[in-house]
Amino acid sequence: MRTRDDMESERALRLKKVFVRTTAVIGMISLFYTAYLYYDYRARMPTKPQPEAGRTYPVDLKGDTFYTTKTEQRRYYATQYIFFASVITIGATSWIQWRRSHRVLPNKRLKLAARVEY
């Protein structure tokens, strides 16, 4: 028979899974969008500032500098920040879960101590 604690534990586990999967999907979308912007900017953006077009903000793409508008520059950097934030979030969540799974509970400590005594 399932107790209330079991149901709460299952709900918490489902919530963690949804959180990690959602974060992973957001991270993958931002990674693909960053790649798209990289190739798009590389193909269309000028390599010299064009003040008349408003393209005066530099974006460094793997050693090449392209000039964009402020909005285009923010869009490119925002996708990178979102990707790195999602990677860090998934890493931190995984580390916390790993730590909890390797934690020795007080009851186990007593049993382990009883085994050691002769």
PDB file of N, CA and C in Angstrom:
ATOM      1  N   MET A   1       0.835  -1.172   0.000  1.00  0.00           N
ATOM      2  CA  MET A   1       0.000   0.000   0.000  1.00  0.00           C
ATOM      3  C   MET A   1       0.885   1.242   0.000  1.00  0.00           C
ATOM      4  N   ARG A   2       0.526   2.184  -0.859  1.00  0.00           N
ATOM      5  CA  ARG A   2       1.316   3.414  -0.965  1.00  0.00           C
ATOM      6  C   ARG A   2       0.925   4.390   0.124  1.00  0.00           C
ATOM      7  N   THR A   3       1.939   4.934   0.751  1.00  0.00           N
ATOM      8  CA  THR A   3       1.684   5.914   1.795  1.00  0.00           C
ATOM      9  C   THR A   3       1.762   7.321   1.204  1.00  0.00           C
ATOM     10  N   ARG A   4       1.415   8.256   2.017  1.00  0.00           N
ATOM     11  CA  ARG A   4       1.459   9.654   1.579  1.00  0.00           C
ATOM     12  C   ARG A   4       2.891  10.078   1.250  1.00  0.00           C
ATOM     13  N   ASP A   5       3.862   9.587   2.044  1.00  0.00           N
ATOM     14  CA  ASP A   5       5.269   9.906   1.777  1.00  0.00           C
ATOM     15  C   ASP A   5       5.713   9.355   0.434  1.00  0.00           C
ATOM     16  N   ASP A   6       5.247   8.129   0.088  1.00  0.00           N
ATOM     17  CA  ASP A   6       5.593   7.552  -1.205  1.00  0.00           C
ATOM     18  C   ASP A   6       5.055   8.396  -2.350  1.00  0.00           C
ATOM     19  N   MET A   7       3.815   8.853  -2.218  1.00  0.00           N
ATOM     20  CA  MET A   7       3.213   9.670  -3.271  1.00  0.00           C
ATOM     21  C   MET A   7       3.926  11.004  -3.412  1.00  0.00           C
ATOM     22  N   GLU A   8       4.315  11.609  -2.294  1.00  0.00           N
ATOM     23  CA  GLU A   8       5.046  12.870  -2.347  1.00  0.00           C
ATOM     24  C   GLU A   8       6.428  12.674  -2.954  1.00  0.00           C
ATOM     25  N   SER A   9       7.057  11.554  -2.637  1.00  0.00           N
ATOM     26  CA  SER A   9       8.367  11.246  -3.196  1.00  0.00           C
ATOM     27  C   SER A   9       8.277  11.050  -4.705  1.00  0.00           C
ATOM     28  N   GLU A  10       7.250  10.337  -5.151  1.00  0.00           N
ATOM     29  CA  GLU A  10       7.064  10.124  -6.589  1.00  0.00           C
ATOM     30  C   GLU A  10       6.773  11.443  -7.300  1.00  0.00           C
ATOM     31  N   ARG A  11       5.988  12.290  -6.687  1.00  0.00           N
ATOM     32  CA  ARG A  11       5.672  13.593  -7.270  1.00  0.00           C
ATOM     33  C   ARG A  11       6.932  14.446  -7.383  1.00  0.00           C
ATOM     34  N   ALA A  12       7.764  14.423  -6.360  1.00  0.00           N
ATOM     35  CA  ALA A  12       9.011  15.192  -6.384  1.00  0.00           C
ATOM     36  C   ALA A  12       9.939  14.668  -7.478  1.00  0.00           C
ATOM     37  N   LEU A  13       9.993  13.343  -7.622  1.00  0.00           N
ATOM     38  CA  LEU A  13      10.842  12.754  -8.659  1.00  0.00           C
ATOM     39  C   LEU A  13      10.349  13.144 -10.049  1.00  0.00           C
ATOM     40  N   ARG A  14       9.033  13.106 -10.260  1.00  0.00           N
ATOM     41  CA  ARG A  14       8.474  13.513 -11.553  1.00  0.00           C
ATOM     42  C   ARG A  14       8.768  14.976 -11.837  1.00  0.00           C
ATOM     43  N   LEU A  15       8.651  15.811 -10.815  1.00  0.00           N
ATOM     44  CA  LEU A  15       8.933  17.229 -10.989  1.00  0.00           C
ATOM     45  C   LEU A  15      10.399  17.462 -11.365  1.00  0.00           C
ATOM     46  N   LYS A  16      11.307  16.730 -10.726  1.00  0.00           N
ATOM     47  CA  LYS A  16      12.732  16.841 -11.061  1.00  0.00           C
ATOM     48  C   LYS A  16      12.979  16.433 -12.505  1.00  0.00           C
ATOM     49  N   LYS A  17      12.349  15.339 -12.924  1.00  0.00           N
ATOM     50  CA  LYS A  17      12.532  14.873 -14.303  1.00  0.00           C
ATOM     51  C   LYS A  17      12.019  15.893 -15.304  1.00  0.00           C
ATOM     52  N   VAL A  18      10.855  16.458 -15.030  1.00  0.00           N
ATOM     53  CA  VAL A  18      10.299  17.479 -15.920  1.00  0.00           C
ATOM     54  C   VAL A  18      11.216  18.695 -15.970  1.00  0.00           C
ATOM     55  N   PHE A  19      11.737  19.108 -14.826  1.00  0.00           N
ATOM     56  CA  PHE A  19      12.635  20.262 -14.762  1.00  0.00           C
ATOM     57  C   PHE A  19      13.903  20.016 -15.587  1.00  0.00           C
ATOM     58  N   VAL A  20      14.527  18.858 -15.406  1.00  0.00           N
ATOM     59  CA  VAL A  20      15.771  18.552 -16.121  1.00  0.00           C
ATOM     60  C   VAL A  20      15.505  18.439 -17.623  1.00  0.00           C
ATOM     61  N   ARG A  21      14.434  17.777 -17.998  1.00  0.00           N
ATOM     62  CA  ARG A  21      14.127  17.628 -19.430  1.00  0.00           C
ATOM     63  C   ARG A  21      13.800  18.968 -20.077  1.00  0.00           C
ATOM     64  N   THR A  22      13.049  19.795 -19.386  1.00  0.00           N
ATOM     65  CA  THR A  22      12.726  21.115 -19.926  1.00  0.00           C
ATOM     66  C   THR A  22      13.982  21.951 -20.086  1.00  0.00           C
ATOM     67  N   THR A  23      14.849  21.909 -19.088  1.00  0.00           N
ATOM     68  CA  THR A  23      16.115  22.646 -19.163  1.00  0.00           C
ATOM     69  C   THR A  23      16.976  22.122 -20.308  1.00  0.00           C
ATOM     70  N   ALA A  24      16.992  20.809 -20.504  1.00  0.00           N
ATOM     71  CA  ALA A  24      17.770  20.225 -21.595  1.00  0.00           C
ATOM     72  C   ALA A  24      17.223  20.653 -22.955  1.00  0.00           C
ATOM     73  N   VAL A  25      15.913  20.665 -23.097  1.00  0.00           N
ATOM     74  CA  VAL A  25      15.305  21.091 -24.367  1.00  0.00           C
ATOM     75  C   VAL A  25      15.620  22.557 -24.637  1.00  0.00           C
ATOM     76  N   ILE A  26      15.508  23.401 -23.622  1.00  0.00           N
ATOM     77  CA  ILE A  26      15.835  24.821 -23.793  1.00  0.00           C
ATOM     78  C   ILE A  26      17.302  24.979 -24.186  1.00  0.00           C
ATOM     79  N   GLY A  27      18.177  24.221 -23.549  1.00  0.00           N
ATOM     80  CA  GLY A  27      19.600  24.278 -23.879  1.00  0.00           C
ATOM     81  C   GLY A  27      19.889  23.850 -25.307  1.00  0.00           C
ATOM     82  N   MET A  28      19.239  22.787 -25.758  1.00  0.00           N
ATOM     83  CA  MET A  28      19.463  22.310 -27.132  1.00  0.00           C
ATOM     84  C   MET A  28      18.921  23.303 -28.157  1.00  0.00           C
ATOM     85  N   ILE A  29      17.758  23.869 -27.887  1.00  0.00           N
ATOM     86  CA  ILE A  29      17.206  24.868 -28.806  1.00  0.00           C
ATOM     87  C   ILE A  29      18.133  26.077 -28.894  1.00  0.00           C
ATOM     88  N   SER A  30      18.646  26.534 -27.750  1.00  0.00           N
ATOM     89  CA  SER A  30      19.554  27.684 -27.780  1.00  0.00           C
ATOM     90  C   SER A  30      20.858  27.344 -28.485  1.00  0.00           C
ATOM     91  N   LEU A  31      21.336  26.109 -28.337  1.00  0.00           N
ATOM     92  CA  LEU A  31      22.555  25.699 -29.043  1.00  0.00           C
ATOM     93  C   LEU A  31      22.337  25.712 -30.557  1.00  0.00           C
ATOM     94  N   PHE A  32      21.238  25.140 -31.013  1.00  0.00           N
ATOM     95  CA  PHE A  32      20.952  25.122 -32.450  1.00  0.00           C
ATOM     96  C   PHE A  32      20.715  26.531 -32.992  1.00  0.00           C
ATOM     97  N   TYR A  33      20.044  27.376 -32.214  1.00  0.00           N
ATOM     98  CA  TYR A  33      19.810  28.738 -32.653  1.00  0.00           C
ATOM     99  C   TYR A  33      21.115  29.530 -32.709  1.00  0.00           C
ATOM    100  N   THR A  34      22.022  29.275 -31.770  1.00  0.00           N
ATOM    101  CA  THR A  34      23.336  29.919 -31.806  1.00  0.00           C
ATOM    102  C   THR A  34      24.093  29.506 -33.069  1.00  0.00           C
ATOM    103  N   ALA A  35      24.030  28.219 -33.402  1.00  0.00           N
ATOM    104  CA  ALA A  35      24.700  27.747 -34.626  1.00  0.00           C
ATOM    105  C   ALA A  35      24.087  28.396 -35.862  1.00  0.00           C
ATOM    106  N   TYR A  36      22.758  28.483 -35.877  1.00  0.00           N
ATOM    107  CA  TYR A  36      22.091  29.138 -37.010  1.00  0.00           C
ATOM    108  C   TYR A  36      22.543  30.585 -37.134  1.00  0.00           C
ATOM    109  N   LEU A  37      22.541  31.330 -36.010  1.00  0.00           N
ATOM    110  CA  LEU A  37      22.954  32.733 -36.045  1.00  0.00           C
ATOM    111  C   LEU A  37      24.407  32.870 -36.471  1.00  0.00           C
ATOM    112  N   TYR A  38      25.241  31.948 -36.044  1.00  0.00           N
ATOM    113  CA  TYR A  38      26.656  31.991 -36.422  1.00  0.00           C
ATOM    114  C   TYR A  38      26.801  31.950 -37.946  1.00  0.00           C
ATOM    115  N   TYR A  39      26.157  30.968 -38.570  1.00  0.00           N
ATOM    116  CA  TYR A  39      26.273  30.843 -40.026  1.00  0.00           C
ATOM    117  C   TYR A  39      25.538  31.967 -40.750  1.00  0.00           C
ATOM    118  N   ASP A  40      24.425  32.422 -40.208  1.00  0.00           N
ATOM    119  CA  ASP A  40      23.681  33.518 -40.815  1.00  0.00           C
ATOM    120  C   ASP A  40      24.477  34.817 -40.748  1.00  0.00           C
ATOM    121  N   TYR A  41      25.016  35.132 -39.591  1.00  0.00           N
ATOM    122  CA  TYR A  41      25.798  36.360 -39.453  1.00  0.00           C
ATOM    123  C   TYR A  41      27.055  36.307 -40.291  1.00  0.00           C
ATOM    124  N   ARG A  42      27.659  35.145 -40.344  1.00  0.00           N
ATOM    125  CA  ARG A  42      28.878  35.001 -41.140  1.00  0.00           C
ATOM    126  C   ARG A  42      28.603  35.254 -42.618  1.00  0.00           C
ATOM    127  N   ALA A  43      27.445  34.866 -43.093  1.00  0.00           N
ATOM    128  CA  ALA A  43      27.106  35.028 -44.504  1.00  0.00           C
ATOM    129  C   ALA A  43      26.618  36.448 -44.833  1.00  0.00           C
ATOM    130  N   ARG A  44      25.927  37.119 -43.894  1.00  0.00           N
ATOM    131  CA  ARG A  44      25.278  38.380 -44.231  1.00  0.00           C
ATOM    132  C   ARG A  44      25.885  39.635 -43.631  1.00  0.00           C
ATOM    133  N   MET A  45      26.568  39.515 -42.528  1.00  0.00           N
ATOM    134  CA  MET A  45      26.998  40.715 -41.810  1.00  0.00           C
ATOM    135  C   MET A  45      28.303  41.277 -42.372  1.00  0.00           C
ATOM    136  N   PRO A  46      28.419  42.613 -42.364  1.00  0.00           N
ATOM    137  CA  PRO A  46      29.642  43.245 -42.890  1.00  0.00           C
ATOM    138  C   PRO A  46      30.817  43.061 -41.934  1.00  0.00           C
ATOM    139  N   THR A  47      32.005  43.105 -42.495  1.00  0.00           N
ATOM    140  CA  THR A  47      33.214  42.984 -41.680  1.00  0.00           C
ATOM    141  C   THR A  47      33.758  44.356 -41.281  1.00  0.00           C
ATOM    142  N   LYS A  48      33.147  45.400 -41.790  1.00  0.00           N
ATOM    143  CA  LYS A  48      33.511  46.770 -41.416  1.00  0.00           C
ATOM    144  C   LYS A  48      32.247  47.472 -40.936  1.00  0.00           C
ATOM    145  N   PRO A  49      32.396  48.402 -39.987  1.00  0.00           N
ATOM    146  CA  PRO A  49      31.204  49.106 -39.480  1.00  0.00           C
ATOM    147  C   PRO A  49      30.471  49.858 -40.596  1.00  0.00           C
ATOM    148  N   GLN A  50      29.168  49.834 -40.520  1.00  0.00           N
ATOM    149  CA  GLN A  50      28.330  50.580 -41.465  1.00  0.00           C
ATOM    150  C   GLN A  50      27.364  51.454 -40.660  1.00  0.00           C
ATOM    151  N   PRO A  51      27.820  52.652 -40.278  1.00  0.00           N
ATOM    152  CA  PRO A  51      26.991  53.521 -39.436  1.00  0.00           C
ATOM    153  C   PRO A  51      25.651  53.895 -40.076  1.00  0.00           C
ATOM    154  N   GLU A  52      25.633  54.027 -41.396  1.00  0.00           N
ATOM    155  CA  GLU A  52      24.389  54.399 -42.066  1.00  0.00           C
ATOM    156  C   GLU A  52      23.319  53.307 -41.951  1.00  0.00           C
ATOM    157  N   ALA A  53      23.737  52.045 -41.807  1.00  0.00           N
ATOM    158  CA  ALA A  53      22.802  50.926 -41.641  1.00  0.00           C
ATOM    159  C   ALA A  53      22.606  50.583 -40.162  1.00  0.00           C
ATOM    160  N   GLY A  54      23.357  51.227 -39.281  1.00  0.00           N
ATOM    161  CA  GLY A  54      23.242  50.959 -37.848  1.00  0.00           C
ATOM    162  C   GLY A  54      24.060  49.763 -37.392  1.00  0.00           C
ATOM    163  N   ARG A  55      24.885  49.232 -38.260  1.00  0.00           N
ATOM    164  CA  ARG A  55      25.698  48.060 -37.918  1.00  0.00           C
ATOM    165  C   ARG A  55      27.070  48.530 -37.412  1.00  0.00           C
ATOM    166  N   THR A  56      27.085  48.890 -36.142  1.00  0.00           N
ATOM    167  CA  THR A  56      28.312  49.415 -35.538  1.00  0.00           C
ATOM    168  C   THR A  56      28.750  48.599 -34.328  1.00  0.00           C
ATOM    169  N   TYR A  57      28.013  47.558 -33.976  1.00  0.00           N
ATOM    170  CA  TYR A  57      28.326  46.769 -32.779  1.00  0.00           C
ATOM    171  C   TYR A  57      29.064  45.495 -33.189  1.00  0.00           C
ATOM    172  N   PRO A  58      30.301  45.333 -32.702  1.00  0.00           N
ATOM    173  CA  PRO A  58      31.083  44.166 -33.127  1.00  0.00           C
ATOM    174  C   PRO A  58      30.640  42.873 -32.442  1.00  0.00           C
ATOM    175  N   VAL A  59      30.681  41.797 -33.219  1.00  0.00           N
ATOM    176  CA  VAL A  59      30.450  40.449 -32.705  1.00  0.00           C
ATOM    177  C   VAL A  59      31.623  39.607 -33.174  1.00  0.00           C
ATOM    178  N   ASP A  60      32.328  39.001 -32.235  1.00  0.00           N
ATOM    179  CA  ASP A  60      33.485  38.167 -32.565  1.00  0.00           C
ATOM    180  C   ASP A  60      33.007  36.726 -32.771  1.00  0.00           C
ATOM    181  N   LEU A  61      33.177  36.231 -33.980  1.00  0.00           N
ATOM    182  CA  LEU A  61      32.773  34.864 -34.306  1.00  0.00           C
ATOM    183  C   LEU A  61      34.012  34.068 -34.701  1.00  0.00           C
ATOM    184  N   LYS A  62      34.575  33.382 -33.733  1.00  0.00           N
ATOM    185  CA  LYS A  62      35.744  32.516 -33.941  1.00  0.00           C
ATOM    186  C   LYS A  62      36.870  33.228 -34.684  1.00  0.00           C
ATOM    187  N   GLY A  63      37.228  34.394 -34.195  1.00  0.00           N
ATOM    188  CA  GLY A  63      38.358  35.117 -34.757  1.00  0.00           C
ATOM    189  C   GLY A  63      37.978  36.143 -35.806  1.00  0.00           C
ATOM    190  N   ASP A  64      36.812  36.060 -36.382  1.00  0.00           N
ATOM    191  CA  ASP A  64      36.343  37.043 -37.355  1.00  0.00           C
ATOM    192  C   ASP A  64      35.407  38.017 -36.647  1.00  0.00           C
ATOM    193  N   THR A  65      35.536  39.277 -36.971  1.00  0.00           N
ATOM    194  CA  THR A  65      34.671  40.283 -36.367  1.00  0.00           C
ATOM    195  C   THR A  65      33.670  40.766 -37.398  1.00  0.00           C
ATOM    196  N   PHE A  66      32.399  40.706 -37.003  1.00  0.00           N
ATOM    197  CA  PHE A  66      31.320  41.184 -37.857  1.00  0.00           C
ATOM    198  C   PHE A  66      30.594  42.285 -37.111  1.00  0.00           C
ATOM    199  N   TYR A  67      29.973  43.178 -37.852  1.00  0.00           N
ATOM    200  CA  TYR A  67      29.285  44.309 -37.234  1.00  0.00           C
ATOM    201  C   TYR A  67      27.781  44.152 -37.407  1.00  0.00           C
ATOM    202  N   THR A  68      27.091  44.319 -36.284  1.00  0.00           N
ATOM    203  CA  THR A  68      25.649  44.121 -36.250  1.00  0.00           C
ATOM    204  C   THR A  68      24.970  45.312 -35.599  1.00  0.00           C
ATOM    205  N   THR A  69      23.651  45.287 -35.586  1.00  0.00           N
ATOM    206  CA  THR A  69      22.913  46.267 -34.797  1.00  0.00           C
ATOM    207  C   THR A  69      22.947  45.807 -33.338  1.00  0.00           C
ATOM    208  N   LYS A  70      22.547  46.664 -32.427  1.00  0.00           N
ATOM    209  CA  LYS A  70      22.552  46.316 -31.002  1.00  0.00           C
ATOM    210  C   LYS A  70      21.619  45.131 -30.730  1.00  0.00           C
ATOM    211  N   THR A  71      20.473  45.097 -31.381  1.00  0.00           N
ATOM    212  CA  THR A  71      19.518  44.007 -31.187  1.00  0.00           C
ATOM    213  C   THR A  71      20.087  42.673 -31.665  1.00  0.00           C
ATOM    214  N   GLU A  72      20.745  42.679 -32.817  1.00  0.00           N
ATOM    215  CA  GLU A  72      21.343  41.447 -33.345  1.00  0.00           C
ATOM    216  C   GLU A  72      22.479  40.963 -32.450  1.00  0.00           C
ATOM    217  N   GLN A  73      23.254  41.899 -31.930  1.00  0.00           N
ATOM    218  CA  GLN A  73      24.344  41.533 -31.029  1.00  0.00           C
ATOM    219  C   GLN A  73      23.794  40.899 -29.753  1.00  0.00           C
ATOM    220  N   ARG A  74      22.764  41.507 -29.174  1.00  0.00           N
ATOM    221  CA  ARG A  74      22.156  40.955 -27.954  1.00  0.00           C
ATOM    222  C   ARG A  74      21.543  39.574 -28.206  1.00  0.00           C
ATOM    223  N   ARG A  75      20.909  39.408 -29.337  1.00  0.00           N
ATOM    224  CA  ARG A  75      20.298  38.119 -29.670  1.00  0.00           C
ATOM    225  C   ARG A  75      21.363  37.019 -29.724  1.00  0.00           C
ATOM    226  N   TYR A  76      22.488  37.317 -30.361  1.00  0.00           N
ATOM    227  CA  TYR A  76      23.549  36.313 -30.483  1.00  0.00           C
ATOM    228  C   TYR A  76      24.112  35.942 -29.113  1.00  0.00           C
ATOM    229  N   TYR A  77      24.424  36.934 -28.301  1.00  0.00           N
ATOM    230  CA  TYR A  77      25.005  36.637 -26.989  1.00  0.00           C
ATOM    231  C   TYR A  77      23.988  36.021 -26.030  1.00  0.00           C
ATOM    232  N   ALA A  78      22.728  36.393 -26.157  1.00  0.00           N
ATOM    233  CA  ALA A  78      21.688  35.821 -25.281  1.00  0.00           C
ATOM    234  C   ALA A  78      21.559  34.313 -25.503  1.00  0.00           C
ATOM    235  N   THR A  79      21.633  33.869 -26.753  1.00  0.00           N
ATOM    236  CA  THR A  79      21.525  32.422 -27.005  1.00  0.00           C
ATOM    237  C   THR A  79      22.688  31.672 -26.369  1.00  0.00           C
ATOM    238  N   GLN A  80      23.865  32.253 -26.391  1.00  0.00           N
ATOM    239  CA  GLN A  80      25.016  31.601 -25.752  1.00  0.00           C
ATOM    240  C   GLN A  80      24.846  31.557 -24.236  1.00  0.00           C
ATOM    241  N   TYR A  81      24.384  32.639 -23.639  1.00  0.00           N
ATOM    242  CA  TYR A  81      24.186  32.681 -22.192  1.00  0.00           C
ATOM    243  C   TYR A  81      23.125  31.674 -21.751  1.00  0.00           C
ATOM    244  N   ILE A  82      22.052  31.575 -22.519  1.00  0.00           N
ATOM    245  CA  ILE A  82      20.992  30.616 -22.181  1.00  0.00           C
ATOM    246  C   ILE A  82      21.525  29.192 -22.256  1.00  0.00           C
ATOM    247  N   PHE A  83      22.326  28.890 -23.273  1.00  0.00           N
ATOM    248  CA  PHE A  83      22.894  27.548 -23.395  1.00  0.00           C
ATOM    249  C   PHE A  83      23.789  27.226 -22.197  1.00  0.00           C
ATOM    250  N   PHE A  84      24.701  28.127 -21.866  1.00  0.00           N
ATOM    251  CA  PHE A  84      25.612  27.862 -20.751  1.00  0.00           C
ATOM    252  C   PHE A  84      24.871  27.782 -19.422  1.00  0.00           C
ATOM    253  N   ALA A  85      23.855  28.598 -19.251  1.00  0.00           N
ATOM    254  CA  ALA A  85      23.061  28.537 -18.013  1.00  0.00           C
ATOM    255  C   ALA A  85      22.338  27.206 -17.900  1.00  0.00           C
ATOM    256  N   SER A  86      21.837  26.680 -19.004  1.00  0.00           N
ATOM    257  CA  SER A  86      21.147  25.383 -18.951  1.00  0.00           C
ATOM    258  C   SER A  86      22.127  24.252 -18.670  1.00  0.00           C
ATOM    259  N   VAL A  87      23.322  24.320 -19.229  1.00  0.00           N
ATOM    260  CA  VAL A  87      24.336  23.292 -18.951  1.00  0.00           C
ATOM    261  C   VAL A  87      24.720  23.320 -17.476  1.00  0.00           C
ATOM    262  N   ILE A  88      24.919  24.503 -16.932  1.00  0.00           N
ATOM    263  CA  ILE A  88      25.273  24.626 -15.510  1.00  0.00           C
ATOM    264  C   ILE A  88      24.129  24.137 -14.626  1.00  0.00           C
ATOM    265  N   THR A  89      22.898  24.453 -14.996  1.00  0.00           N
ATOM    266  CA  THR A  89      21.742  24.017 -14.213  1.00  0.00           C
ATOM    267  C   THR A  89      21.614  22.501 -14.211  1.00  0.00           C
ATOM    268  N   ILE A  90      21.764  21.881 -15.368  1.00  0.00           N
ATOM    269  CA  ILE A  90      21.691  20.415 -15.439  1.00  0.00           C
ATOM    270  C   ILE A  90      22.842  19.788 -14.660  1.00  0.00           C
ATOM    271  N   GLY A  91      24.034  20.360 -14.780  1.00  0.00           N
ATOM    272  CA  GLY A  91      25.180  19.844 -14.028  1.00  0.00           C
ATOM    273  C   GLY A  91      24.982  19.944 -12.532  1.00  0.00           C
ATOM    274  N   ALA A  92      24.471  21.077 -12.070  1.00  0.00           N
ATOM    275  CA  ALA A  92      24.237  21.256 -10.631  1.00  0.00           C
ATOM    276  C   ALA A  92      23.149  20.314 -10.133  1.00  0.00           C
ATOM    277  N   THR A  93      22.094  20.156 -10.908  1.00  0.00           N
ATOM    278  CA  THR A  93      21.017  19.243 -10.520  1.00  0.00           C
ATOM    279  C   THR A  93      21.519  17.803 -10.458  1.00  0.00           C
ATOM    280  N   SER A  94      22.317  17.413 -11.431  1.00  0.00           N
ATOM    281  CA  SER A  94      22.877  16.055 -11.440  1.00  0.00           C
ATOM    282  C   SER A  94      23.814  15.837 -10.258  1.00  0.00           C
ATOM    283  N   TRP A  95      24.618  16.830  -9.962  1.00  0.00           N
ATOM    284  CA  TRP A  95      25.553  16.712  -8.834  1.00  0.00           C
ATOM    285  C   TRP A  95      24.790  16.583  -7.520  1.00  0.00           C
ATOM    286  N   ILE A  96      23.742  17.388  -7.355  1.00  0.00           N
ATOM    287  CA  ILE A  96      22.942  17.311  -6.124  1.00  0.00           C
ATOM    288  C   ILE A  96      22.303  15.932  -6.006  1.00  0.00           C
ATOM    289  N   GLN A  97      21.762  15.425  -7.093  1.00  0.00           N
ATOM    290  CA  GLN A  97      21.138  14.099  -7.072  1.00  0.00           C
ATOM    291  C   GLN A  97      22.177  13.020  -6.766  1.00  0.00           C
ATOM    292  N   TRP A  98      23.364  13.137  -7.329  1.00  0.00           N
ATOM    293  CA  TRP A  98      24.429  12.163  -7.075  1.00  0.00           C
ATOM    294  C   TRP A  98      24.831  12.182  -5.610  1.00  0.00           C
ATOM    295  N   ARG A  99      24.954  13.400  -5.056  1.00  0.00           N
ATOM    296  CA  ARG A  99      25.322  13.525  -3.632  1.00  0.00           C
ATOM    297  C   ARG A  99      24.272  12.888  -2.737  1.00  0.00           C
ATOM    298  N   ARG A 100      23.012  13.087  -3.046  1.00  0.00           N
ATOM    299  CA  ARG A 100      21.939  12.513  -2.242  1.00  0.00           C
ATOM    300  C   ARG A 100      21.913  10.997  -2.345  1.00  0.00           C
ATOM    301  N   SER A 101      22.241  10.467  -3.504  1.00  0.00           N
ATOM    302  CA  SER A 101      22.194   9.010  -3.675  1.00  0.00           C
ATOM    303  C   SER A 101      23.376   8.318  -2.992  1.00  0.00           C
ATOM    304  N   HIS A 102      24.460   9.037  -2.738  1.00  0.00           N
ATOM    305  CA  HIS A 102      25.631   8.453  -2.087  1.00  0.00           C
ATOM    306  C   HIS A 102      25.742   8.831  -0.616  1.00  0.00           C
ATOM    307  N   ARG A 103      24.732   9.446  -0.105  1.00  0.00           N
ATOM    308  CA  ARG A 103      24.739   9.867   1.296  1.00  0.00           C
ATOM    309  C   ARG A 103      24.394   8.662   2.171  1.00  0.00           C
ATOM    310  N   VAL A 104      25.131   8.486   3.257  1.00  0.00           N
ATOM    311  CA  VAL A 104      24.865   7.399   4.198  1.00  0.00           C
ATOM    312  C   VAL A 104      23.872   7.901   5.227  1.00  0.00           C
ATOM    313  N   LEU A 105      22.764   7.217   5.345  1.00  0.00           N
ATOM    314  CA  LEU A 105      21.728   7.611   6.288  1.00  0.00           C
ATOM    315  C   LEU A 105      22.120   7.212   7.707  1.00  0.00           C
ATOM    316  N   PRO A 106      21.588   7.881   8.739  1.00  0.00           N
ATOM    317  CA  PRO A 106      21.951   7.565  10.127  1.00  0.00           C
ATOM    318  C   PRO A 106      21.671   6.104  10.491  1.00  0.00           C
ATOM    319  N   ASN A 107      20.587   5.511  10.033  1.00  0.00           N
ATOM    320  CA  ASN A 107      20.294   4.111  10.339  1.00  0.00           C
ATOM    321  C   ASN A 107      21.346   3.183   9.744  1.00  0.00           C
ATOM    322  N   LYS A 108      21.816   3.502   8.542  1.00  0.00           N
ATOM    323  CA  LYS A 108      22.854   2.684   7.923  1.00  0.00           C
ATOM    324  C   LYS A 108      24.169   2.790   8.692  1.00  0.00           C
ATOM    325  N   ARG A 109      24.461   3.990   9.212  1.00  0.00           N
ATOM    326  CA  ARG A 109      25.688   4.162   9.990  1.00  0.00           C
ATOM    327  C   ARG A 109      25.669   3.265  11.218  1.00  0.00           C
ATOM    328  N   LEU A 110      24.531   3.193  11.896  1.00  0.00           N
ATOM    329  CA  LEU A 110      24.428   2.347  13.081  1.00  0.00           C
ATOM    330  C   LEU A 110      24.617   0.883  12.719  1.00  0.00           C
ATOM    331  N   LYS A 111      24.035   0.465  11.608  1.00  0.00           N
ATOM    332  CA  LYS A 111      24.179  -0.939  11.172  1.00  0.00           C
ATOM    333  C   LYS A 111      25.609  -1.228  10.782  1.00  0.00           C
ATOM    334  N   LEU A 112      26.249  -0.260  10.080  1.00  0.00           N
ATOM    335  CA  LEU A 112      27.654  -0.461   9.686  1.00  0.00           C
ATOM    336  C   LEU A 112      28.544  -0.515  10.925  1.00  0.00           C
ATOM    337  N   ALA A 113      28.279   0.333  11.904  1.00  0.00           N
ATOM    338  CA  ALA A 113      29.079   0.338  13.135  1.00  0.00           C
ATOM    339  C   ALA A 113      28.885  -0.962  13.904  1.00  0.00           C
ATOM    340  N   ALA A 114      27.681  -1.495  13.901  1.00  0.00           N
ATOM    341  CA  ALA A 114      27.408  -2.763  14.611  1.00  0.00           C
ATOM    342  C   ALA A 114      28.158  -3.913  13.952  1.00  0.00           C
ATOM    343  N   ARG A 115      28.308  -3.889  12.646  1.00  0.00           N
ATOM    344  CA  ARG A 115      29.022  -4.957  11.935  1.00  0.00           C
ATOM    345  C   ARG A 115      30.523  -4.932  12.243  1.00  0.00           C
ATOM    346  N   VAL A 116      31.054  -3.706  12.419  1.00  0.00           N
ATOM    347  CA  VAL A 116      32.482  -3.568  12.654  1.00  0.00           C
ATOM    348  C   VAL A 116      32.870  -4.073  14.023  1.00  0.00           C
ATOM    349  N   GLU A 117      32.006  -3.895  15.021  1.00  0.00           N
ATOM    350  CA  GLU A 117      32.330  -4.328  16.374  1.00  0.00           C
ATOM    351  C   GLU A 117      32.409  -5.849  16.437  1.00  0.00           C
ATOM    352  N   TYR A 118      33.334  -6.342  17.230  1.00  0.00           N
ATOM    353  CA  TYR A 118      33.525  -7.791  17.341  1.00  0.00           C
ATOM    354  C   TYR A 118      32.858  -8.341  18.550  1.00  0.00           C
TER     355      TYR A 118
END
